[in-house]
Amino acid sequence: MSRLDELMPNASVKGILPNGLVTVVSVQWHGSEALQLTYRTPEGMVANELL
C-alpha cells in the first residue's frame, strides 16, 4: 500500500516492520496527514506506530 488513506482493519501491510507483514487492527487519524496505526505481528504481538 502506498497511501495512508488505504489502511483498513484486517489489511496485511508490508514495510512497518523490517522483516514481514503485519495485520492492521485499527487506524486513528490525527488531522489529515498523520495516523496512529495499531497492528498485530505474525507472532501475535500488538503494537502502535505513528505514521
C-alpha atoms as a PDB file:
ATOM      1  CA  MET A   1       0.000   0.000   0.000  1.00  0.00           C
ATOM      2  CA  SER A   2       1.366   3.355  -0.849  1.00  0.00           C
ATOM      3  CA  ARG A   3      -1.224   5.701   0.688  1.00  0.00           C
ATOM      4  CA  LEU A   4      -2.148   6.132   4.333  1.00  0.00           C
ATOM      5  CA  ASP A   5      -5.853   6.510   3.492  1.00  0.00           C
ATOM      6  CA  GLU A   6      -5.823   2.952   2.094  1.00  0.00           C
ATOM      7  CA  LEU A   7      -5.054   1.407   5.513  1.00  0.00           C
ATOM      8  CA  MET A   8      -8.085  -0.538   6.721  1.00  0.00           C
ATOM      9  CA  PRO A   9      -8.605  -3.063   9.552  1.00  0.00           C
ATOM     10  CA  ASN A  10      -7.621  -6.638   8.614  1.00  0.00           C
ATOM     11  CA  ALA A  11      -5.347  -5.454   5.779  1.00  0.00           C
ATOM     12  CA  SER A  12      -1.896  -7.032   5.519  1.00  0.00           C
ATOM     13  CA  VAL A  13       0.812  -4.393   5.257  1.00  0.00           C
ATOM     14  CA  LYS A  14       4.487  -4.674   4.348  1.00  0.00           C
ATOM     15  CA  GLY A  15       7.049  -2.073   5.420  1.00  0.00           C
ATOM     16  CA  ILE A  16       6.005  -1.388   9.010  1.00  0.00           C
ATOM     17  CA  LEU A  17       8.476  -3.955  10.320  1.00  0.00           C
ATOM     18  CA  PRO A  18      11.740  -4.685   8.540  1.00  0.00           C
ATOM     19  CA  ASN A  19      11.113  -8.399   8.022  1.00  0.00           C
ATOM     20  CA  GLY A  20       7.472  -9.225   7.428  1.00  0.00           C
ATOM     21  CA  LEU A  21       3.816  -8.427   7.141  1.00  0.00           C
ATOM     22  CA  VAL A  22       1.616  -7.012   9.875  1.00  0.00           C
ATOM     23  CA  THR A  23      -2.167  -7.062  10.112  1.00  0.00           C
ATOM     24  CA  VAL A  24      -3.941  -3.762  10.709  1.00  0.00           C
ATOM     25  CA  VAL A  25      -6.074  -3.795  13.870  1.00  0.00           C
ATOM     26  CA  SER A  26      -7.203  -0.153  13.810  1.00  0.00           C
ATOM     27  CA  VAL A  27      -6.417   3.241  12.352  1.00  0.00           C
ATOM     28  CA  GLN A  28      -6.968   6.534  14.191  1.00  0.00           C
ATOM     29  CA  TRP A  29      -6.400   9.720  12.231  1.00  0.00           C
ATOM     30  CA  HIS A  30      -4.765  12.779  13.836  1.00  0.00           C
ATOM     31  CA  GLY A  31      -5.667  15.596  11.483  1.00  0.00           C
ATOM     32  CA  SER A  32      -5.433  14.901   7.764  1.00  0.00           C
ATOM     33  CA  GLU A  33      -1.776  13.889   7.467  1.00  0.00           C
ATOM     34  CA  ALA A  34      -0.941  11.613  10.399  1.00  0.00           C
ATOM     35  CA  LEU A  35      -2.432   8.472  11.885  1.00  0.00           C
ATOM     36  CA  GLN A  36      -1.879   6.032  14.691  1.00  0.00           C
ATOM     37  CA  LEU A  37      -1.714   2.518  13.324  1.00  0.00           C
ATOM     38  CA  THR A  38      -2.428  -0.365  15.686  1.00  0.00           C
ATOM     39  CA  TYR A  39      -1.208  -3.624  14.192  1.00  0.00           C
ATOM     40  CA  ARG A  40      -0.607  -7.288  15.019  1.00  0.00           C
ATOM     41  CA  THR A  41       2.633  -9.063  14.154  1.00  0.00           C
ATOM     42  CA  PRO A  42       2.724 -12.645  12.833  1.00  0.00           C
ATOM     43  CA  GLU A  43       3.721 -13.690  16.386  1.00  0.00           C
ATOM     44  CA  GLY A  44       0.529 -12.134  17.797  1.00  0.00           C
ATOM     45  CA  MET A  45       2.117  -9.074  19.438  1.00  0.00           C
ATOM     46  CA  VAL A  46       0.024  -5.892  19.190  1.00  0.00           C
ATOM     47  CA  ALA A  47       1.833  -2.565  18.749  1.00  0.00           C
ATOM     48  CA  ASN A  48       1.270   1.047  17.645  1.00  0.00           C
ATOM     49  CA  GLU A  49       3.083   3.246  15.171  1.00  0.00           C
ATOM     50  CA  LEU A  50       2.552   6.923  14.358  1.00  0.00           C
ATOM     51  CA  LEU A  51       2.668   7.420  10.598  1.00  0.00           C
END
